[in-house]
Amino acid sequence: MADLWQEAMDQAEVLARKAGAMVRAALQDDMKVMMKSSSVDLVTQTDQEVEKLIIQSVKEQFPTHRFIGEESVAAGESCILTDSPTWIIDPVDGTTNFVHGFPFVAVSIGFAVNKQ
């Protein structure tokens, strides 16, 4: 029997690659940088766009799954981990490097079921 969650993992890989291409392209452009909770807690338009891409794409394939996104939570959405399949997203992991033009960043996508 195939792994029950393999389809989700395959989707995560496809989305991480697509999001990574967006981040690499954005490194070449001027970017709008905003602050979240303090002057060292930064968010960019790329963070927001990448998170939106991931969530919308996953919702198309898995409409019942839940999400915890760094930028969504910072904007006021709740951060509740349940037993439901949940995608945990940091769209530009390393935003400080990103805003300074250092390409040492990652698109982080986690997936939890039953809080594991």
PDB file of N, CA and C in Angstrom:
ATOM      1  N   MET A   1       0.838  -1.181   0.000  1.00  0.00           N
ATOM      2  CA  MET A   1       0.000   0.000   0.000  1.00  0.00           C
ATOM      3  C   MET A   1       0.887   1.250   0.000  1.00  0.00           C
ATOM      4  N   ALA A   2       0.525   2.217  -0.799  1.00  0.00           N
ATOM      5  CA  ALA A   2       1.298   3.455  -0.897  1.00  0.00           C
ATOM      6  C   ALA A   2       1.168   4.267   0.387  1.00  0.00           C
ATOM      7  N   ASP A   3       2.186   5.059   0.673  1.00  0.00           N
ATOM      8  CA  ASP A   3       2.176   5.936   1.836  1.00  0.00           C
ATOM      9  C   ASP A   3       0.965   6.860   1.750  1.00  0.00           C
ATOM     10  N   LEU A   4       0.185   6.898   2.800  1.00  0.00           N
ATOM     11  CA  LEU A   4      -1.040   7.682   2.849  1.00  0.00           C
ATOM     12  C   LEU A   4      -0.791   9.162   2.551  1.00  0.00           C
ATOM     13  N   TRP A   5       0.337   9.688   2.969  1.00  0.00           N
ATOM     14  CA  TRP A   5       0.598  11.113   2.821  1.00  0.00           C
ATOM     15  C   TRP A   5       1.610  11.445   1.721  1.00  0.00           C
ATOM     16  N   GLN A   6       1.960  10.465   0.894  1.00  0.00           N
ATOM     17  CA  GLN A   6       2.944  10.713  -0.156  1.00  0.00           C
ATOM     18  C   GLN A   6       2.493  11.805  -1.128  1.00  0.00           C
ATOM     19  N   GLU A   7       1.214  11.837  -1.442  1.00  0.00           N
ATOM     20  CA  GLU A   7       0.697  12.863  -2.348  1.00  0.00           C
ATOM     21  C   GLU A   7       0.916  14.267  -1.767  1.00  0.00           C
ATOM     22  N   ALA A   8       0.742  14.412  -0.460  1.00  0.00           N
ATOM     23  CA  ALA A   8       0.981  15.700   0.194  1.00  0.00           C
ATOM     24  C   ALA A   8       2.469  16.061   0.132  1.00  0.00           C
ATOM     25  N   MET A   9       3.330  15.084   0.355  1.00  0.00           N
ATOM     26  CA  MET A   9       4.770  15.352   0.310  1.00  0.00           C
ATOM     27  C   MET A   9       5.218  15.719  -1.109  1.00  0.00           C
ATOM     28  N   ASP A  10       4.649  15.038  -2.100  1.00  0.00           N
ATOM     29  CA  ASP A  10       4.964  15.374  -3.497  1.00  0.00           C
ATOM     30  C   ASP A  10       4.538  16.806  -3.805  1.00  0.00           C
ATOM     31  N   GLN A  11       3.358  17.193  -3.322  1.00  0.00           N
ATOM     32  CA  GLN A  11       2.862  18.559  -3.525  1.00  0.00           C
ATOM     33  C   GLN A  11       3.780  19.562  -2.836  1.00  0.00           C
ATOM     34  N   ALA A  12       4.244  19.240  -1.641  1.00  0.00           N
ATOM     35  CA  ALA A  12       5.140  20.137  -0.910  1.00  0.00           C
ATOM     36  C   ALA A  12       6.431  20.367  -1.688  1.00  0.00           C
ATOM     37  N   GLU A  13       6.977  19.319  -2.275  1.00  0.00           N
ATOM     38  CA  GLU A  13       8.216  19.473  -3.041  1.00  0.00           C
ATOM     39  C   GLU A  13       8.000  20.361  -4.263  1.00  0.00           C
ATOM     40  N   VAL A  14       6.920  20.128  -4.984  1.00  0.00           N
ATOM     41  CA  VAL A  14       6.617  20.950  -6.168  1.00  0.00           C
ATOM     42  C   VAL A  14       6.468  22.416  -5.761  1.00  0.00           C
ATOM     43  N   LEU A  15       5.728  22.662  -4.686  1.00  0.00           N
ATOM     44  CA  LEU A  15       5.505  24.033  -4.237  1.00  0.00           C
ATOM     45  C   LEU A  15       6.780  24.687  -3.719  1.00  0.00           C
ATOM     46  N   ALA A  16       7.615  23.941  -3.019  1.00  0.00           N
ATOM     47  CA  ALA A  16       8.877  24.502  -2.529  1.00  0.00           C
ATOM     48  C   ALA A  16       9.767  24.931  -3.689  1.00  0.00           C
ATOM     49  N   ARG A  17       9.792  24.143  -4.748  1.00  0.00           N
ATOM     50  CA  ARG A  17      10.601  24.508  -5.920  1.00  0.00           C
ATOM     51  C   ARG A  17      10.035  25.747  -6.617  1.00  0.00           C
ATOM     52  N   LYS A  18       8.708  25.798  -6.753  1.00  0.00           N
ATOM     53  CA  LYS A  18       8.069  26.955  -7.387  1.00  0.00           C
ATOM     54  C   LYS A  18       8.296  28.212  -6.537  1.00  0.00           C
ATOM     55  N   ALA A  19       8.136  28.068  -5.228  1.00  0.00           N
ATOM     56  CA  ALA A  19       8.347  29.193  -4.320  1.00  0.00           C
ATOM     57  C   ALA A  19       9.812  29.627  -4.324  1.00  0.00           C
ATOM     58  N   GLY A  20      10.720  28.668  -4.376  1.00  0.00           N
ATOM     59  CA  GLY A  20      12.142  28.990  -4.428  1.00  0.00           C
ATOM     60  C   GLY A  20      12.491  29.806  -5.662  1.00  0.00           C
ATOM     61  N   ALA A  21      11.863  29.489  -6.776  1.00  0.00           N
ATOM     62  CA  ALA A  21      12.090  30.270  -8.008  1.00  0.00           C
ATOM     63  C   ALA A  21      11.598  31.702  -7.817  1.00  0.00           C
ATOM     64  N   MET A  22      10.471  31.864  -7.125  1.00  0.00           N
ATOM     65  CA  MET A  22       9.962  33.212  -6.843  1.00  0.00           C
ATOM     66  C   MET A  22      10.944  33.988  -5.965  1.00  0.00           C
ATOM     67  N   VAL A  23      11.481  33.330  -4.962  1.00  0.00           N
ATOM     68  CA  VAL A  23      12.418  33.986  -4.050  1.00  0.00           C
ATOM     69  C   VAL A  23      13.695  34.369  -4.800  1.00  0.00           C
ATOM     70  N   ARG A  24      14.223  33.456  -5.608  1.00  0.00           N
ATOM     71  CA  ARG A  24      15.446  33.769  -6.382  1.00  0.00           C
ATOM     72  C   ARG A  24      15.211  34.958  -7.305  1.00  0.00           C
ATOM     73  N   ALA A  25      14.061  35.007  -7.963  1.00  0.00           N
ATOM     74  CA  ALA A  25      13.753  36.131  -8.865  1.00  0.00           C
ATOM     75  C   ALA A  25      13.641  37.432  -8.062  1.00  0.00           C
ATOM     76  N   ALA A  26      13.033  37.360  -6.896  1.00  0.00           N
ATOM     77  CA  ALA A  26      12.846  38.556  -6.078  1.00  0.00           C
ATOM     78  C   ALA A  26      14.168  39.109  -5.550  1.00  0.00           C
ATOM     79  N   LEU A  27      15.160  38.248  -5.378  1.00  0.00           N
ATOM     80  CA  LEU A  27      16.472  38.720  -4.925  1.00  0.00           C
ATOM     81  C   LEU A  27      17.091  39.698  -5.918  1.00  0.00           C
ATOM     82  N   GLN A  28      16.661  39.644  -7.167  1.00  0.00           N
ATOM     83  CA  GLN A  28      17.206  40.514  -8.209  1.00  0.00           C
ATOM     84  C   GLN A  28      16.509  41.871  -8.258  1.00  0.00           C
ATOM     85  N   ASP A  29      15.379  42.017  -7.569  1.00  0.00           N
ATOM     86  CA  ASP A  29      14.566  43.228  -7.629  1.00  0.00           C
ATOM     87  C   ASP A  29      14.693  44.042  -6.351  1.00  0.00           C
ATOM     88  N   ASP A  30      14.299  45.314  -6.461  1.00  0.00           N
ATOM     89  CA  ASP A  30      14.139  46.113  -5.245  1.00  0.00           C
ATOM     90  C   ASP A  30      12.943  45.555  -4.497  1.00  0.00           C
ATOM     91  N   MET A  31      13.005  45.552  -3.192  1.00  0.00           N
ATOM     92  CA  MET A  31      11.897  44.967  -2.448  1.00  0.00           C
ATOM     93  C   MET A  31      11.357  45.929  -1.416  1.00  0.00           C
ATOM     94  N   LYS A  32      10.074  45.767  -1.156  1.00  0.00           N
ATOM     95  CA  LYS A  32       9.403  46.539  -0.118  1.00  0.00           C
ATOM     96  C   LYS A  32       9.517  45.753   1.184  1.00  0.00           C
ATOM     97  N   VAL A  33      10.102  46.380   2.196  1.00  0.00           N
ATOM     98  CA  VAL A  33      10.315  45.726   3.489  1.00  0.00           C
ATOM     99  C   VAL A  33       9.440  46.418   4.528  1.00  0.00           C
ATOM    100  N   MET A  34       8.714  45.610   5.297  1.00  0.00           N
ATOM    101  CA  MET A  34       7.863  46.133   6.360  1.00  0.00           C
ATOM    102  C   MET A  34       8.274  45.487   7.682  1.00  0.00           C
ATOM    103  N   MET A  35       7.892  46.095   8.781  1.00  0.00           N
ATOM    104  CA  MET A  35       8.168  45.531  10.095  1.00  0.00           C
ATOM    105  C   MET A  35       6.906  44.864  10.623  1.00  0.00           C
ATOM    106  N   LYS A  36       7.110  43.763  11.352  1.00  0.00           N
ATOM    107  CA  LYS A  36       5.982  43.105  12.020  1.00  0.00           C
ATOM    108  C   LYS A  36       5.920  43.622  13.457  1.00  0.00           C
ATOM    109  N   SER A  37       6.547  42.947  14.383  1.00  0.00           N
ATOM    110  CA  SER A  37       6.441  43.319  15.796  1.00  0.00           C
ATOM    111  C   SER A  37       7.559  44.250  16.272  1.00  0.00           C
ATOM    112  N   SER A  38       8.677  44.302  15.516  1.00  0.00           N
ATOM    113  CA  SER A  38       9.797  45.162  15.921  1.00  0.00           C
ATOM    114  C   SER A  38      10.667  45.437  14.697  1.00  0.00           C
ATOM    115  N   SER A  39      11.678  46.274  14.890  1.00  0.00           N
ATOM    116  CA  SER A  39      12.550  46.649  13.775  1.00  0.00           C
ATOM    117  C   SER A  39      13.407  45.495  13.273  1.00  0.00           C
ATOM    118  N   VAL A  40      13.475  44.399  14.023  1.00  0.00           N
ATOM    119  CA  VAL A  40      14.248  43.243  13.575  1.00  0.00           C
ATOM    120  C   VAL A  40      13.339  42.095  13.118  1.00  0.00           C
ATOM    121  N   ASP A  41      12.032  42.307  13.177  1.00  0.00           N
ATOM    122  CA  ASP A  41      11.057  41.296  12.741  1.00  0.00           C
ATOM    123  C   ASP A  41      10.471  41.786  11.425  1.00  0.00           C
ATOM    124  N   LEU A  42      11.081  41.354  10.326  1.00  0.00           N
ATOM    125  CA  LEU A  42      10.771  41.913   9.008  1.00  0.00           C
ATOM    126  C   LEU A  42       9.872  40.998   8.187  1.00  0.00           C
ATOM    127  N   VAL A  43       9.158  41.609   7.259  1.00  0.00           N
ATOM    128  CA  VAL A  43       8.358  40.873   6.287  1.00  0.00           C
ATOM    129  C   VAL A  43       8.459  41.619   4.958  1.00  0.00           C
ATOM    130  N   THR A  44       8.500  40.868   3.878  1.00  0.00           N
ATOM    131  CA  THR A  44       8.543  41.480   2.553  1.00  0.00           C
ATOM    132  C   THR A  44       7.314  41.049   1.760  1.00  0.00           C
ATOM    133  N   GLN A  45       7.108  41.727   0.662  1.00  0.00           N
ATOM    134  CA  GLN A  45       6.009  41.353  -0.237  1.00  0.00           C
ATOM    135  C   GLN A  45       6.226  39.922  -0.738  1.00  0.00           C
ATOM    136  N   THR A  46       7.468  39.540  -0.924  1.00  0.00           N
ATOM    137  CA  THR A  46       7.772  38.177  -1.373  1.00  0.00           C
ATOM    138  C   THR A  46       7.330  37.155  -0.336  1.00  0.00           C
ATOM    139  N   ASP A  47       7.572  37.426   0.967  1.00  0.00           N
ATOM    140  CA  ASP A  47       7.088  36.536   2.028  1.00  0.00           C
ATOM    141  C   ASP A  47       5.590  36.314   1.859  1.00  0.00           C
ATOM    142  N   GLN A  48       4.858  37.394   1.711  1.00  0.00           N
ATOM    143  CA  GLN A  48       3.403  37.322   1.622  1.00  0.00           C
ATOM    144  C   GLN A  48       2.937  36.605   0.359  1.00  0.00           C
ATOM    145  N   GLU A  49       3.573  36.901  -0.769  1.00  0.00           N
ATOM    146  CA  GLU A  49       3.175  36.269  -2.036  1.00  0.00           C
ATOM    147  C   GLU A  49       3.482  34.773  -2.044  1.00  0.00           C
ATOM    148  N   VAL A  50       4.629  34.397  -1.512  1.00  0.00           N
ATOM    149  CA  VAL A  50       5.002  32.983  -1.474  1.00  0.00           C
ATOM    150  C   VAL A  50       4.053  32.206  -0.561  1.00  0.00           C
ATOM    151  N   GLU A  51       3.747  32.766   0.602  1.00  0.00           N
ATOM    152  CA  GLU A  51       2.822  32.079   1.505  1.00  0.00           C
ATOM    153  C   GLU A  51       1.450  31.931   0.843  1.00  0.00           C
ATOM    154  N   LYS A  52       0.994  32.967   0.179  1.00  0.00           N
ATOM    155  CA  LYS A  52      -0.308  32.918  -0.506  1.00  0.00           C
ATOM    156  C   LYS A  52      -0.304  31.840  -1.597  1.00  0.00           C
ATOM    157  N   LEU A  53       0.760  31.761  -2.376  1.00  0.00           N
ATOM    158  CA  LEU A  53       0.887  30.738  -3.427  1.00  0.00           C
ATOM    159  C   LEU A  53       0.782  29.338  -2.824  1.00  0.00           C
ATOM    160  N   ILE A  54       1.523  29.104  -1.759  1.00  0.00           N
ATOM    161  CA  ILE A  54       1.534  27.771  -1.143  1.00  0.00           C
ATOM    162  C   ILE A  54       0.153  27.416  -0.607  1.00  0.00           C
ATOM    163  N   ILE A  55      -0.447  28.311   0.141  1.00  0.00           N
ATOM    164  CA  ILE A  55      -1.757  28.022   0.737  1.00  0.00           C
ATOM    165  C   ILE A  55      -2.818  27.809  -0.337  1.00  0.00           C
ATOM    166  N   GLN A  56      -2.870  28.681  -1.326  1.00  0.00           N
ATOM    167  CA  GLN A  56      -3.882  28.525  -2.376  1.00  0.00           C
ATOM    168  C   GLN A  56      -3.694  27.228  -3.151  1.00  0.00           C
ATOM    169  N   SER A  57      -2.471  26.889  -3.462  1.00  0.00           N
ATOM    170  CA  SER A  57      -2.202  25.659  -4.219  1.00  0.00           C
ATOM    171  C   SER A  57      -2.577  24.416  -3.421  1.00  0.00           C
ATOM    172  N   VAL A  58      -2.250  24.404  -2.135  1.00  0.00           N
ATOM    173  CA  VAL A  58      -2.588  23.253  -1.299  1.00  0.00           C
ATOM    174  C   VAL A  58      -4.107  23.142  -1.148  1.00  0.00           C
ATOM    175  N   LYS A  59      -4.776  24.267  -0.948  1.00  0.00           N
ATOM    176  CA  LYS A  59      -6.235  24.249  -0.792  1.00  0.00           C
ATOM    177  C   LYS A  59      -6.939  23.659  -2.015  1.00  0.00           C
ATOM    178  N   GLU A  60      -6.379  23.887  -3.191  1.00  0.00           N
ATOM    179  CA  GLU A  60      -6.971  23.326  -4.414  1.00  0.00           C
ATOM    180  C   GLU A  60      -6.934  21.801  -4.378  1.00  0.00           C
ATOM    181  N   GLN A  61      -5.860  21.243  -3.902  1.00  0.00           N
ATOM    182  CA  GLN A  61      -5.692  19.794  -3.891  1.00  0.00           C
ATOM    183  C   GLN A  61      -6.221  19.151  -2.606  1.00  0.00           C
ATOM    184  N   PHE A  62      -6.112  19.864  -1.493  1.00  0.00           N
ATOM    185  CA  PHE A  62      -6.504  19.320  -0.186  1.00  0.00           C
ATOM    186  C   PHE A  62      -7.379  20.350   0.547  1.00  0.00           C
ATOM    187  N   PRO A  63      -8.620  20.503   0.147  1.00  0.00           N
ATOM    188  CA  PRO A  63      -9.452  21.587   0.696  1.00  0.00           C
ATOM    189  C   PRO A  63      -9.747  21.493   2.191  1.00  0.00           C
ATOM    190  N   THR A  64      -9.575  20.333   2.801  1.00  0.00           N
ATOM    191  CA  THR A  64      -9.876  20.202   4.234  1.00  0.00           C
ATOM    192  C   THR A  64      -8.661  20.413   5.128  1.00  0.00           C
ATOM    193  N   HIS A  65      -7.479  20.568   4.543  1.00  0.00           N
ATOM    194  CA  HIS A  65      -6.275  20.741   5.346  1.00  0.00           C
ATOM    195  C   HIS A  65      -6.241  22.132   5.971  1.00  0.00           C
ATOM    196  N   ARG A  66      -5.507  22.238   7.069  1.00  0.00           N
ATOM    197  CA  ARG A  66      -5.363  23.496   7.803  1.00  0.00           C
ATOM    198  C   ARG A  66      -3.965  24.063   7.569  1.00  0.00           C
ATOM    199  N   PHE A  67      -3.766  25.332   7.994  1.00  0.00           N
ATOM    200  CA  PHE A  67      -2.505  26.018   7.737  1.00  0.00           C
ATOM    201  C   PHE A  67      -2.079  26.848   8.938  1.00  0.00           C
ATOM    202  N   ILE A  68      -0.783  26.870   9.171  1.00  0.00           N
ATOM    203  CA  ILE A  68      -0.161  27.817  10.084  1.00  0.00           C
ATOM    204  C   ILE A  68       0.958  28.463   9.271  1.00  0.00           C
ATOM    205  N   GLY A  69       0.740  29.699   8.874  1.00  0.00           N
ATOM    206  CA  GLY A  69       1.724  30.415   8.074  1.00  0.00           C
ATOM    207  C   GLY A  69       2.327  31.550   8.878  1.00  0.00           C
ATOM    208  N   GLU A  70       3.625  31.708   8.821  1.00  0.00           N
ATOM    209  CA  GLU A  70       4.289  32.740   9.616  1.00  0.00           C
ATOM    210  C   GLU A  70       3.690  34.118   9.366  1.00  0.00           C
ATOM    211  N   GLU A  71       3.469  34.450   8.111  1.00  0.00           N
ATOM    212  CA  GLU A  71       2.967  35.787   7.802  1.00  0.00           C
ATOM    213  C   GLU A  71       1.488  35.921   8.142  1.00  0.00           C
ATOM    214  N   SER A  72       0.711  34.861   7.978  1.00  0.00           N
ATOM    215  CA  SER A  72      -0.709  34.892   8.336  1.00  0.00           C
ATOM    216  C   SER A  72      -0.872  35.078   9.844  1.00  0.00           C
ATOM    217  N   VAL A  73      -0.074  34.344  10.611  1.00  0.00           N
ATOM    218  CA  VAL A  73      -0.141  34.449  12.070  1.00  0.00           C
ATOM    219  C   VAL A  73       0.285  35.850  12.511  1.00  0.00           C
ATOM    220  N   ALA A  74       1.324  36.391  11.886  1.00  0.00           N
ATOM    221  CA  ALA A  74       1.780  37.741  12.229  1.00  0.00           C
ATOM    222  C   ALA A  74       0.707  38.781  11.922  1.00  0.00           C
ATOM    223  N   ALA A  75      -0.139  38.483  10.928  1.00  0.00           N
ATOM    224  CA  ALA A  75      -1.216  39.402  10.557  1.00  0.00           C
ATOM    225  C   ALA A  75      -2.464  39.204  11.416  1.00  0.00           C
ATOM    226  N   GLY A  76      -2.410  38.247  12.360  1.00  0.00           N
ATOM    227  CA  GLY A  76      -3.511  38.096  13.286  1.00  0.00           C
ATOM    228  C   GLY A  76      -4.301  36.809  13.205  1.00  0.00           C
ATOM    229  N   GLU A  77      -3.995  35.940  12.243  1.00  0.00           N
ATOM    230  CA  GLU A  77      -4.702  34.663  12.187  1.00  0.00           C
ATOM    231  C   GLU A  77      -4.267  33.782  13.356  1.00  0.00           C
ATOM    232  N   SER A  78      -5.166  32.897  13.762  1.00  0.00           N
ATOM    233  CA  SER A  78      -4.852  32.041  14.906  1.00  0.00           C
ATOM    234  C   SER A  78      -3.801  30.998  14.537  1.00  0.00           C
ATOM    235  N   CYS A  79      -3.092  30.558  15.549  1.00  0.00           N
ATOM    236  CA  CYS A  79      -2.039  29.550  15.385  1.00  0.00           C
ATOM    237  C   CYS A  79      -2.410  28.372  16.272  1.00  0.00           C
ATOM    238  N   ILE A  80      -3.254  27.494  15.745  1.00  0.00           N
ATOM    239  CA  ILE A  80      -3.743  26.367  16.523  1.00  0.00           C
ATOM    240  C   ILE A  80      -3.400  25.075  15.790  1.00  0.00           C
ATOM    241  N   LEU A  81      -2.603  24.248  16.433  1.00  0.00           N
ATOM    242  CA  LEU A  81      -2.256  22.952  15.866  1.00  0.00           C
ATOM    243  C   LEU A  81      -3.247  21.922  16.400  1.00  0.00           C
ATOM    244  N   THR A  82      -3.968  21.283  15.492  1.00  0.00           N
ATOM    245  CA  THR A  82      -4.946  20.261  15.862  1.00  0.00           C
ATOM    246  C   THR A  82      -4.474  18.921  15.306  1.00  0.00           C
ATOM    247  N   ASP A  83      -5.314  17.906  15.430  1.00  0.00           N
ATOM    248  CA  ASP A  83      -4.989  16.601  14.857  1.00  0.00           C
ATOM    249  C   ASP A  83      -5.187  16.582  13.339  1.00  0.00           C
ATOM    250  N   SER A  84      -5.866  17.581  12.784  1.00  0.00           N
ATOM    251  CA  SER A  84      -6.106  17.643  11.343  1.00  0.00           C
ATOM    252  C   SER A  84      -4.792  17.802  10.585  1.00  0.00           C
ATOM    253  N   PRO A  85      -4.743  17.339   9.333  1.00  0.00           N
ATOM    254  CA  PRO A  85      -3.556  17.588   8.513  1.00  0.00           C
ATOM    255  C   PRO A  85      -3.303  19.105   8.434  1.00  0.00           C
ATOM    256  N   THR A  86      -2.106  19.511   8.820  1.00  0.00           N
ATOM    257  CA  THR A  86      -1.781  20.942   8.906  1.00  0.00           C
ATOM    258  C   THR A  86      -0.441  21.223   8.238  1.00  0.00           C
ATOM    259  N   TRP A  87      -0.437  22.214   7.381  1.00  0.00           N
ATOM    260  CA  TRP A  87       0.773  22.678   6.709  1.00  0.00           C
ATOM    261  C   TRP A  87       1.323  23.854   7.504  1.00  0.00           C
ATOM    262  N   ILE A  88       2.614  23.813   7.826  1.00  0.00           N
ATOM    263  CA  ILE A  88       3.269  24.848   8.614  1.00  0.00           C
ATOM    264  C   ILE A  88       4.304  25.505   7.694  1.00  0.00           C
ATOM    265  N   ILE A  89       4.122  26.803   7.458  1.00  0.00           N
ATOM    266  CA  ILE A  89       4.851  27.471   6.381  1.00  0.00           C
ATOM    267  C   ILE A  89       5.643  28.676   6.877  1.00  0.00           C
ATOM    268  N   ASP A  90       6.921  28.704   6.530  1.00  0.00           N
ATOM    269  CA  ASP A  90       7.737  29.917   6.645  1.00  0.00           C
ATOM    270  C   ASP A  90       8.181  30.204   5.213  1.00  0.00           C
ATOM    271  N   PRO A  91       7.520  31.140   4.544  1.00  0.00           N
ATOM    272  CA  PRO A  91       7.729  31.324   3.108  1.00  0.00           C
ATOM    273  C   PRO A  91       9.133  31.773   2.710  1.00  0.00           C
ATOM    274  N   VAL A  92       9.747  32.619   3.510  1.00  0.00           N
ATOM    275  CA  VAL A  92      11.141  33.005   3.282  1.00  0.00           C
ATOM    276  C   VAL A  92      11.829  32.868   4.639  1.00  0.00           C
ATOM    277  N   ASP A  93      12.359  31.692   4.878  1.00  0.00           N
ATOM    278  CA  ASP A  93      13.035  31.398   6.137  1.00  0.00           C
ATOM    279  C   ASP A  93      14.429  32.002   6.039  1.00  0.00           C
ATOM    280  N   GLY A  94      14.604  33.136   6.700  1.00  0.00           N
ATOM    281  CA  GLY A  94      15.851  33.895   6.582  1.00  0.00           C
ATOM    282  C   GLY A  94      15.582  35.250   5.963  1.00  0.00           C
ATOM    283  N   THR A  95      14.495  35.888   6.378  1.00  0.00           N
ATOM    284  CA  THR A  95      14.103  37.166   5.768  1.00  0.00           C
ATOM    285  C   THR A  95      15.175  38.232   5.927  1.00  0.00           C
ATOM    286  N   THR A  96      15.877  38.254   7.050  1.00  0.00           N
ATOM    287  CA  THR A  96      16.926  39.268   7.232  1.00  0.00           C
ATOM    288  C   THR A  96      18.014  39.111   6.173  1.00  0.00           C
ATOM    289  N   ASN A  97      18.450  37.886   5.917  1.00  0.00           N
ATOM    290  CA  ASN A  97      19.412  37.661   4.833  1.00  0.00           C
ATOM    291  C   ASN A  97      18.816  38.126   3.505  1.00  0.00           C
ATOM    292  N   PHE A  98      17.566  37.768   3.271  1.00  0.00           N
ATOM    293  CA  PHE A  98      16.886  38.093   2.021  1.00  0.00           C
ATOM    294  C   PHE A  98      16.860  39.602   1.773  1.00  0.00           C
ATOM    295  N   VAL A  99      16.470  40.393   2.780  1.00  0.00           N
ATOM    296  CA  VAL A  99      16.362  41.840   2.563  1.00  0.00           C
ATOM    297  C   VAL A  99      17.724  42.489   2.342  1.00  0.00           C
ATOM    298  N   HIS A 100      18.793  41.825   2.786  1.00  0.00           N
ATOM    299  CA  HIS A 100      20.136  42.349   2.554  1.00  0.00           C
ATOM    300  C   HIS A 100      20.780  41.772   1.285  1.00  0.00           C
ATOM    301  N   GLY A 101      20.001  40.996   0.555  1.00  0.00           N
ATOM    302  CA  GLY A 101      20.501  40.457  -0.707  1.00  0.00           C
ATOM    303  C   GLY A 101      21.355  39.224  -0.583  1.00  0.00           C
ATOM    304  N   PHE A 102      21.415  38.643   0.610  1.00  0.00           N
ATOM    305  CA  PHE A 102      22.180  37.414   0.804  1.00  0.00           C
ATOM    306  C   PHE A 102      21.297  36.226   0.449  1.00  0.00           C
ATOM    307  N   PRO A 103      21.720  35.364  -0.448  1.00  0.00           N
ATOM    308  CA  PRO A 103      20.857  34.275  -0.916  1.00  0.00           C
ATOM    309  C   PRO A 103      20.795  33.060   0.012  1.00  0.00           C
ATOM    310  N   PHE A 104      21.090  33.260   1.281  1.00  0.00           N
ATOM    311  CA  PHE A 104      21.081  32.151   2.232  1.00  0.00           C
ATOM    312  C   PHE A 104      19.727  32.092   2.939  1.00  0.00           C
ATOM    313  N   VAL A 105      18.726  31.638   2.189  1.00  0.00           N
ATOM    314  CA  VAL A 105      17.357  31.542   2.681  1.00  0.00           C
ATOM    315  C   VAL A 105      16.770  30.209   2.230  1.00  0.00           C
ATOM    316  N   ALA A 106      15.618  29.888   2.769  1.00  0.00           N
ATOM    317  CA  ALA A 106      14.931  28.652   2.379  1.00  0.00           C
ATOM    318  C   ALA A 106      13.429  28.894   2.399  1.00  0.00           C
ATOM    319  N   VAL A 107      12.722  28.073   1.660  1.00  0.00           N
ATOM    320  CA  VAL A 107      11.273  28.003   1.769  1.00  0.00           C
ATOM    321  C   VAL A 107      11.009  26.792   2.658  1.00  0.00           C
ATOM    322  N   SER A 108      10.436  27.029   3.839  1.00  0.00           N
ATOM    323  CA  SER A 108      10.214  25.939   4.791  1.00  0.00           C
ATOM    324  C   SER A 108       8.740  25.554   4.795  1.00  0.00           C
ATOM    325  N   ILE A 109       8.488  24.277   4.508  1.00  0.00           N
ATOM    326  CA  ILE A 109       7.127  23.747   4.504  1.00  0.00           C
ATOM    327  C   ILE A 109       7.122  22.493   5.366  1.00  0.00           C
ATOM    328  N   GLY A 110       6.376  22.548   6.452  1.00  0.00           N
ATOM    329  CA  GLY A 110       6.212  21.390   7.324  1.00  0.00           C
ATOM    330  C   GLY A 110       4.817  20.843   7.156  1.00  0.00           C
ATOM    331  N   PHE A 111       4.639  19.585   7.535  1.00  0.00           N
ATOM    332  CA  PHE A 111       3.328  18.940   7.426  1.00  0.00           C
ATOM    333  C   PHE A 111       3.130  18.078   8.657  1.00  0.00           C
ATOM    334  N   ALA A 112       2.042  18.319   9.384  1.00  0.00           N
ATOM    335  CA  ALA A 112       1.770  17.570  10.619  1.00  0.00           C
ATOM    336  C   ALA A 112       0.380  16.937  10.557  1.00  0.00           C
ATOM    337  N   VAL A 113       0.292  15.738  11.087  1.00  0.00           N
ATOM    338  CA  VAL A 113      -0.977  15.033  11.235  1.00  0.00           C
ATOM    339  C   VAL A 113      -0.983  14.487  12.662  1.00  0.00           C
ATOM    340  N   ASN A 114      -2.077  14.651  13.357  1.00  0.00           N
ATOM    341  CA  ASN A 114      -2.162  14.222  14.747  1.00  0.00           C
ATOM    342  C   ASN A 114      -1.065  14.872  15.588  1.00  0.00           C
ATOM    343  N   LYS A 115      -0.784  16.133  15.280  1.00  0.00           N
ATOM    344  CA  LYS A 115       0.222  16.944  15.988  1.00  0.00           C
ATOM    345  C   LYS A 115       1.629  16.371  15.883  1.00  0.00           C
ATOM    346  N   GLN A 116       1.898  15.571  14.883  1.00  0.00           N
ATOM    347  CA  GLN A 116       3.240  14.993  14.681  1.00  0.00           C
ATOM    348  C   GLN A 116       3.747  15.306  13.295  1.00  0.00           C
TER     349      GLN A 116
END
